């Protein structure tokens, strides 16, 4: 059985690719190695890169909200402040035939 190939892969490059949202398969294809190698040998770098991506996206969303984007303000309020759209239900509703109308 042949000895496995040695790859010269920079862990920081793997982390950077993960921070761009690349999937393990895409990183492996780009670096010319197997997905299993990326998944097993660089899992810490993958996790850190994906955390950096989430941090960047959250910052961009927050910046957009703080600049007054109403959609983002509502969405961030729901996500971070646990706000929600609450529908008020009036339980004292009477059937229409019980309502008295003036002048009819």
Protein backbone atom coordinates (compact mmCIF):
# COMPACT_ATOMS: atom_id res chain seq x y z
CA UNK A 1 0.00 0.00 0.00
CA UNK A 2 1.32 3.41 -0.95
CA UNK A 3 2.21 5.97 1.66
CA UNK A 4 -0.33 8.82 1.87
CA UNK A 5 0.62 12.13 0.25
CA UNK A 6 1.95 14.88 2.48
CA UNK A 7 0.15 18.15 2.01
CA UNK A 8 1.63 21.52 2.78
CA UNK A 9 -1.52 23.25 3.98
CA UNK A 10 -1.41 26.51 5.89
CA UNK A 11 -3.88 26.31 8.78
CA UNK A 12 -4.44 30.07 8.56
CA UNK A 13 -5.48 29.66 4.93
CA UNK A 14 -8.02 27.02 5.94
CA UNK A 15 -9.33 29.37 8.64
CA UNK A 16 -9.59 32.26 6.17
CA UNK A 17 -11.49 30.12 3.65
CA UNK A 18 -13.90 28.99 6.38
CA UNK A 19 -14.40 32.65 7.34
CA UNK A 20 -15.61 33.26 3.77
CA UNK A 21 -18.29 30.62 4.27
CA UNK A 22 -16.63 27.91 2.20
CA UNK A 23 -17.72 24.36 3.00
CA UNK A 24 -15.15 21.71 3.90
CA UNK A 25 -15.51 20.11 0.46
CA UNK A 26 -14.86 23.45 -1.26
CA UNK A 27 -11.79 24.10 0.90
CA UNK A 28 -10.46 20.62 0.16
CA UNK A 29 -11.07 21.00 -3.57
CA UNK A 30 -9.33 24.37 -3.56
CA UNK A 31 -6.30 22.99 -1.70
CA UNK A 32 -6.18 19.72 -3.65
CA UNK A 33 -6.75 17.37 -0.73
CA UNK A 34 -9.54 15.27 0.71
CA UNK A 35 -12.50 16.59 2.67
CA UNK A 36 -11.64 14.09 5.41
CA UNK A 37 -8.17 15.63 5.81
CA UNK A 38 -9.68 19.10 6.20
CA UNK A 39 -12.40 17.87 8.57
CA UNK A 40 -10.06 15.85 10.81
CA UNK A 41 -6.80 17.81 10.78
CA UNK A 42 -8.10 21.37 10.64
CA UNK A 43 -11.35 21.27 12.62
CA UNK A 44 -10.13 23.94 15.06
CA UNK A 45 -9.30 26.27 12.17
CA UNK A 46 -12.66 25.56 10.52
CA UNK A 47 -14.50 26.33 13.77
CA UNK A 48 -12.56 29.57 14.32
CA UNK A 49 -13.10 30.69 10.71
CA UNK A 50 -16.84 30.08 10.89
CA UNK A 51 -17.02 31.94 14.21
CA UNK A 52 -15.25 34.90 12.57
CA UNK A 53 -17.80 34.83 9.74
CA UNK A 54 -20.70 34.91 12.20
CA UNK A 55 -19.07 37.76 14.11
CA UNK A 56 -18.60 39.78 10.91
CA UNK A 57 -22.18 39.18 9.77
CA UNK A 58 -23.59 40.12 13.16
CA UNK A 59 -21.51 43.33 13.17
CA UNK A 60 -22.73 44.23 9.67
CA UNK A 61 -26.35 43.63 10.73
CA UNK A 62 -25.91 45.70 13.87
CA UNK A 63 -24.25 48.52 11.91
CA UNK A 64 -27.14 48.48 9.44
CA UNK A 65 -29.69 48.60 12.27
CA UNK A 66 -27.88 51.44 14.04
CA UNK A 67 -27.84 53.41 10.78
CA UNK A 68 -31.63 53.30 10.88
CA UNK A 69 -32.55 50.38 8.61
CA UNK A 70 -36.09 49.69 9.90
CA UNK A 71 -36.16 46.05 8.80
CA UNK A 72 -32.87 45.34 10.51
CA UNK A 73 -33.93 47.26 13.63
CA UNK A 74 -37.02 45.06 13.94
CA UNK A 75 -35.12 41.85 13.21
CA UNK A 76 -32.29 42.64 15.65
CA UNK A 77 -34.85 43.60 18.31
CA UNK A 78 -36.48 40.20 17.92
CA UNK A 79 -33.16 38.35 17.93
CA UNK A 80 -31.29 40.17 20.67
CA UNK A 81 -33.96 41.81 22.80
CA UNK A 82 -36.46 38.94 22.59
CA UNK A 83 -39.09 41.28 21.19
CA UNK A 84 -41.98 39.85 19.19
CA UNK A 85 -45.06 40.81 17.25
CA UNK A 86 -47.90 40.29 19.67
CA UNK A 87 -51.44 40.08 18.43
CA UNK A 88 -53.95 41.43 20.94
CA UNK A 89 -57.06 39.27 21.03
CA UNK A 90 -60.30 40.77 22.31
CA UNK A 91 -62.16 37.99 24.09
CA UNK A 92 -65.23 40.24 24.62
CA UNK A 93 -66.39 40.11 21.02
CA UNK A 94 -70.15 39.71 20.59
CA UNK A 95 -71.90 38.24 17.58
CA UNK A 96 -73.01 40.88 15.06
CA UNK A 97 -76.71 40.18 15.65
CA UNK A 98 -76.33 41.23 19.31
CA UNK A 99 -74.86 44.64 18.51
CA UNK A 100 -77.27 47.60 18.52
CA UNK A 101 -76.74 50.06 15.69
CA UNK A 102 -77.94 53.65 16.04
CA UNK A 103 -80.07 54.90 13.16
CA UNK A 104 -80.44 51.61 11.36
